[in-house]
Amino acid sequence: MLDITTFDPKNTIELFKRWEKIENMAFPDGLKVINQWFDAGGGRVITLFDVETVKDYLAYNLPFTDLCQIDVFPVIEANDFKKSTVYQIEKLSSPENEQSR
């Protein structure tokens, strides 16, 4: 999962205080932060997560929702997407599916 967190620069200090507090707590078992990037211009953070459930993701992000707007994008690695797509195309193109049309 990838999210883009946008915040008003006036909330930066409070945001960093909360973030430090969250970082010092144990993350939910089903959540791992892969990497984070800060927009050099300020006001945005891009985070890539490995999550098992939406519940794990929410447990991490809920403390920030009053200070930020969080846009969430479920993402998949390109190779996994390609394999899945090829599999689905082959499955749909199989002779068994041709007979049922």
N, C-alpha and C. Protein backbone atom coordinates (compact mmCIF):
# COMPACT_ATOMS: atom_id res chain seq x y z
N MET A 1 0.85 -1.15 0.00
CA MET A 1 0.00 0.00 0.00
C MET A 1 0.90 1.22 0.00
N LEU A 2 0.50 2.20 -0.74
CA LEU A 2 1.24 3.46 -0.80
C LEU A 2 0.29 4.56 -0.37
N ASP A 3 0.79 5.45 0.46
CA ASP A 3 -0.05 6.61 0.77
C ASP A 3 0.74 7.89 0.61
N ILE A 4 -0.02 8.92 0.28
CA ILE A 4 0.53 10.27 0.18
C ILE A 4 -0.19 11.09 1.23
N THR A 5 0.57 11.54 2.20
CA THR A 5 0.04 12.32 3.31
C THR A 5 0.36 13.78 3.06
N THR A 6 -0.68 14.60 3.02
CA THR A 6 -0.52 16.03 2.79
C THR A 6 -0.91 16.76 4.07
N PHE A 7 -0.09 17.72 4.45
CA PHE A 7 -0.38 18.45 5.68
C PHE A 7 -0.04 19.92 5.52
N ASP A 8 -0.72 20.72 6.29
CA ASP A 8 -0.47 22.16 6.33
C ASP A 8 0.86 22.37 7.06
N PRO A 9 1.77 23.12 6.48
CA PRO A 9 3.07 23.34 7.14
C PRO A 9 2.96 23.87 8.58
N LYS A 10 1.87 24.56 8.90
CA LYS A 10 1.72 25.06 10.29
C LYS A 10 1.54 23.90 11.28
N ASN A 11 1.18 22.70 10.79
CA ASN A 11 1.01 21.54 11.66
C ASN A 11 2.26 20.66 11.73
N THR A 12 3.36 21.10 11.15
CA THR A 12 4.57 20.28 11.07
C THR A 12 5.08 19.85 12.43
N ILE A 13 5.16 20.75 13.39
CA ILE A 13 5.71 20.41 14.71
C ILE A 13 4.84 19.36 15.39
N GLU A 14 3.52 19.56 15.41
CA GLU A 14 2.62 18.59 16.03
C GLU A 14 2.68 17.25 15.30
N LEU A 15 2.73 17.31 14.00
CA LEU A 15 2.82 16.08 13.21
C LEU A 15 4.07 15.29 13.56
N PHE A 16 5.21 15.95 13.63
CA PHE A 16 6.46 15.27 13.97
C PHE A 16 6.45 14.73 15.40
N LYS A 17 5.83 15.44 16.33
CA LYS A 17 5.70 14.93 17.70
C LYS A 17 4.93 13.62 17.71
N ARG A 18 3.79 13.61 17.02
CA ARG A 18 2.99 12.38 16.97
C ARG A 18 3.72 11.26 16.25
N TRP A 19 4.38 11.64 15.17
CA TRP A 19 5.08 10.64 14.38
C TRP A 19 6.17 9.98 15.21
N GLU A 20 6.92 10.79 15.96
CA GLU A 20 7.97 10.24 16.82
C GLU A 20 7.37 9.31 17.88
N LYS A 21 6.24 9.70 18.44
CA LYS A 21 5.57 8.86 19.43
C LYS A 21 5.14 7.53 18.82
N ILE A 22 4.55 7.58 17.62
CA ILE A 22 4.11 6.36 16.93
C ILE A 22 5.31 5.49 16.57
N GLU A 23 6.38 6.10 16.10
CA GLU A 23 7.57 5.35 15.70
C GLU A 23 8.19 4.62 16.89
N ASN A 24 8.03 5.15 18.09
CA ASN A 24 8.59 4.51 19.28
C ASN A 24 7.69 3.42 19.85
N MET A 25 6.47 3.33 19.35
CA MET A 25 5.55 2.28 19.77
C MET A 25 5.73 1.08 18.84
N ALA A 26 5.24 -0.05 19.26
CA ALA A 26 5.29 -1.23 18.39
C ALA A 26 4.26 -1.09 17.28
N PHE A 27 4.69 -1.33 16.06
CA PHE A 27 3.77 -1.33 14.93
C PHE A 27 2.87 -2.55 15.04
N PRO A 28 1.70 -2.50 14.44
CA PRO A 28 0.88 -3.72 14.37
C PRO A 28 1.68 -4.82 13.66
N ASP A 29 1.47 -6.06 14.06
CA ASP A 29 2.21 -7.18 13.48
C ASP A 29 2.08 -7.26 11.97
N GLY A 30 0.94 -6.86 11.45
CA GLY A 30 0.69 -6.98 10.02
C GLY A 30 1.10 -5.77 9.20
N LEU A 31 1.93 -4.88 9.77
CA LEU A 31 2.32 -3.67 9.05
C LEU A 31 3.83 -3.49 9.12
N LYS A 32 4.40 -3.19 7.96
CA LYS A 32 5.82 -2.87 7.90
C LYS A 32 5.98 -1.66 6.98
N VAL A 33 6.69 -0.65 7.46
CA VAL A 33 6.99 0.51 6.62
C VAL A 33 8.20 0.13 5.77
N ILE A 34 8.01 0.09 4.46
CA ILE A 34 9.09 -0.25 3.54
C ILE A 34 10.03 0.94 3.38
N ASN A 35 9.46 2.12 3.12
CA ASN A 35 10.26 3.33 2.98
C ASN A 35 9.35 4.54 3.04
N GLN A 36 9.95 5.68 3.34
CA GLN A 36 9.21 6.94 3.35
C GLN A 36 10.06 8.01 2.67
N TRP A 37 9.36 8.90 1.98
CA TRP A 37 10.01 10.01 1.30
C TRP A 37 9.28 11.29 1.67
N PHE A 38 10.05 12.32 1.92
CA PHE A 38 9.48 13.64 2.20
C PHE A 38 9.62 14.50 0.95
N ASP A 39 8.56 15.18 0.61
CA ASP A 39 8.59 16.14 -0.47
C ASP A 39 9.54 17.26 -0.06
N ALA A 40 10.56 17.49 -0.87
CA ALA A 40 11.57 18.49 -0.54
C ALA A 40 10.96 19.89 -0.41
N GLY A 41 9.83 20.10 -1.05
CA GLY A 41 9.15 21.39 -0.96
C GLY A 41 8.32 21.54 0.31
N GLY A 42 8.14 20.44 1.04
CA GLY A 42 7.38 20.46 2.29
C GLY A 42 5.92 20.13 2.09
N GLY A 43 5.29 19.73 3.17
CA GLY A 43 3.85 19.52 3.16
C GLY A 43 3.37 18.15 2.71
N ARG A 44 4.30 17.24 2.34
CA ARG A 44 3.86 15.91 1.91
C ARG A 44 4.87 14.85 2.31
N VAL A 45 4.32 13.67 2.62
CA VAL A 45 5.13 12.50 2.90
C VAL A 45 4.54 11.35 2.09
N ILE A 46 5.40 10.61 1.43
CA ILE A 46 4.98 9.43 0.65
C ILE A 46 5.52 8.21 1.38
N THR A 47 4.64 7.26 1.69
CA THR A 47 5.03 6.09 2.45
C THR A 47 4.60 4.83 1.72
N LEU A 48 5.53 3.87 1.64
CA LEU A 48 5.23 2.57 1.07
C LEU A 48 5.18 1.56 2.20
N PHE A 49 4.05 0.86 2.32
CA PHE A 49 3.82 -0.11 3.38
C PHE A 49 3.69 -1.52 2.81
N ASP A 50 4.02 -2.50 3.62
CA ASP A 50 3.63 -3.89 3.37
C ASP A 50 2.62 -4.18 4.48
N VAL A 51 1.36 -4.38 4.11
CA VAL A 51 0.31 -4.59 5.11
C VAL A 51 -0.45 -5.87 4.83
N GLU A 52 -0.87 -6.51 5.91
CA GLU A 52 -1.68 -7.71 5.78
C GLU A 52 -3.17 -7.39 5.73
N THR A 53 -3.58 -6.40 6.51
CA THR A 53 -5.00 -6.04 6.55
C THR A 53 -5.16 -4.52 6.62
N VAL A 54 -6.31 -4.05 6.23
CA VAL A 54 -6.63 -2.63 6.34
C VAL A 54 -6.62 -2.23 7.82
N LYS A 55 -7.03 -3.12 8.67
CA LYS A 55 -7.06 -2.86 10.12
C LYS A 55 -5.66 -2.49 10.63
N ASP A 56 -4.64 -3.21 10.17
CA ASP A 56 -3.26 -2.89 10.56
C ASP A 56 -2.85 -1.51 10.06
N TYR A 57 -3.23 -1.20 8.84
CA TYR A 57 -2.91 0.09 8.25
C TYR A 57 -3.58 1.22 9.03
N LEU A 58 -4.85 1.05 9.34
CA LEU A 58 -5.60 2.08 10.08
C LEU A 58 -5.01 2.32 11.46
N ALA A 59 -4.55 1.27 12.12
CA ALA A 59 -3.97 1.42 13.45
C ALA A 59 -2.75 2.34 13.42
N TYR A 60 -2.01 2.29 12.34
CA TYR A 60 -0.84 3.16 12.20
C TYR A 60 -1.23 4.60 11.86
N ASN A 61 -2.17 4.78 10.95
CA ASN A 61 -2.48 6.12 10.43
C ASN A 61 -3.55 6.89 11.18
N LEU A 62 -4.39 6.23 11.93
CA LEU A 62 -5.49 6.92 12.61
C LEU A 62 -5.06 8.12 13.45
N PRO A 63 -3.94 8.06 14.17
CA PRO A 63 -3.55 9.22 14.99
C PRO A 63 -3.23 10.49 14.21
N PHE A 64 -3.10 10.39 12.89
CA PHE A 64 -2.73 11.55 12.08
C PHE A 64 -3.89 12.17 11.31
N THR A 65 -5.04 11.54 11.33
CA THR A 65 -6.12 11.95 10.43
C THR A 65 -6.69 13.34 10.72
N ASP A 66 -6.50 13.85 11.92
CA ASP A 66 -7.00 15.20 12.19
C ASP A 66 -6.03 16.29 11.71
N LEU A 67 -4.79 15.91 11.43
CA LEU A 67 -3.79 16.88 10.98
C LEU A 67 -3.48 16.79 9.49
N CYS A 68 -3.88 15.69 8.86
CA CYS A 68 -3.44 15.42 7.49
C CYS A 68 -4.58 14.92 6.62
N GLN A 69 -4.36 15.04 5.35
CA GLN A 69 -5.20 14.33 4.38
C GLN A 69 -4.34 13.18 3.87
N ILE A 70 -4.89 11.97 3.92
CA ILE A 70 -4.13 10.80 3.52
C ILE A 70 -4.83 10.15 2.33
N ASP A 71 -4.13 10.12 1.20
CA ASP A 71 -4.63 9.46 0.00
C ASP A 71 -3.94 8.10 -0.07
N VAL A 72 -4.75 7.05 -0.18
CA VAL A 72 -4.26 5.67 -0.10
C VAL A 72 -4.42 4.99 -1.45
N PHE A 73 -3.35 4.27 -1.85
CA PHE A 73 -3.35 3.55 -3.12
C PHE A 73 -2.87 2.13 -2.90
N PRO A 74 -3.74 1.14 -3.12
CA PRO A 74 -3.24 -0.24 -3.05
C PRO A 74 -2.34 -0.46 -4.27
N VAL A 75 -1.14 -0.94 -4.04
CA VAL A 75 -0.19 -1.14 -5.13
C VAL A 75 0.33 -2.57 -5.12
N ILE A 76 0.83 -2.98 -6.28
CA ILE A 76 1.40 -4.31 -6.45
C ILE A 76 2.68 -4.15 -7.26
N GLU A 77 3.68 -4.96 -6.97
CA GLU A 77 4.93 -4.88 -7.73
C GLU A 77 4.65 -5.19 -9.19
N ALA A 78 5.38 -4.55 -10.09
CA ALA A 78 5.15 -4.69 -11.53
C ALA A 78 5.23 -6.14 -11.99
N ASN A 79 6.22 -6.89 -11.52
CA ASN A 79 6.34 -8.30 -11.95
C ASN A 79 5.16 -9.13 -11.47
N ASP A 80 4.69 -8.90 -10.26
CA ASP A 80 3.52 -9.63 -9.75
C ASP A 80 2.28 -9.27 -10.56
N PHE A 81 2.14 -8.00 -10.90
CA PHE A 81 1.00 -7.57 -11.71
C PHE A 81 1.04 -8.24 -13.09
N LYS A 82 2.22 -8.26 -13.68
CA LYS A 82 2.38 -8.87 -15.01
C LYS A 82 2.02 -10.35 -14.97
N LYS A 83 2.54 -11.06 -13.97
CA LYS A 83 2.24 -12.49 -13.85
C LYS A 83 0.74 -12.72 -13.67
N SER A 84 0.11 -11.94 -12.82
CA SER A 84 -1.31 -12.08 -12.56
C SER A 84 -2.13 -11.79 -13.81
N THR A 85 -1.75 -10.75 -14.53
CA THR A 85 -2.46 -10.37 -15.75
C THR A 85 -2.32 -11.45 -16.82
N VAL A 86 -1.12 -11.95 -17.02
CA VAL A 86 -0.89 -13.01 -18.00
C VAL A 86 -1.71 -14.24 -17.64
N TYR A 87 -1.72 -14.60 -16.36
CA TYR A 87 -2.50 -15.75 -15.90
C TYR A 87 -3.99 -15.56 -16.21
N GLN A 88 -4.52 -14.38 -15.90
CA GLN A 88 -5.94 -14.12 -16.13
C GLN A 88 -6.28 -14.14 -17.62
N ILE A 89 -5.41 -13.58 -18.45
CA ILE A 89 -5.64 -13.58 -19.90
C ILE A 89 -5.63 -15.01 -20.43
N GLU A 90 -4.66 -15.80 -19.98
CA GLU A 90 -4.59 -17.19 -20.42
C GLU A 90 -5.83 -17.97 -19.96
N LYS A 91 -6.25 -17.71 -18.75
CA LYS A 91 -7.43 -18.38 -18.20
C LYS A 91 -8.68 -18.01 -19.02
N LEU A 92 -8.83 -16.75 -19.34
CA LEU A 92 -9.99 -16.30 -20.12
C LEU A 92 -9.93 -16.79 -21.56
N SER A 93 -8.74 -17.04 -22.07
CA SER A 93 -8.57 -17.48 -23.46
C SER A 93 -8.57 -19.00 -23.60
N SER A 94 -8.70 -19.71 -22.50
CA SER A 94 -8.63 -21.18 -22.56
C SER A 94 -9.81 -21.74 -23.36
N PRO A 95 -9.62 -22.91 -23.98
CA PRO A 95 -10.71 -23.55 -24.76
C PRO A 95 -11.97 -23.78 -23.94
N GLU A 96 -11.83 -24.03 -22.65
CA GLU A 96 -13.00 -24.25 -21.80
C GLU A 96 -13.89 -23.00 -21.78
N ASN A 97 -13.28 -21.83 -21.73
CA ASN A 97 -14.05 -20.59 -21.74
C ASN A 97 -14.64 -20.29 -23.11
N GLU A 98 -13.97 -20.69 -24.16
CA GLU A 98 -14.47 -20.48 -25.52
C GLU A 98 -15.78 -21.26 -25.72
N GLN A 99 -15.88 -22.48 -25.15
CA GLN A 99 -17.07 -23.31 -25.31
C GLN A 99 -18.28 -22.73 -24.56
N SER A 100 -18.02 -22.03 -23.48
CA SER A 100 -19.14 -21.51 -22.69
C SER A 100 -19.68 -20.19 -23.23
N ARG A 101 -19.09 -19.67 -24.27
CA ARG A 101 -19.55 -18.39 -24.84
C ARG A 101 -20.66 -18.58 -25.82
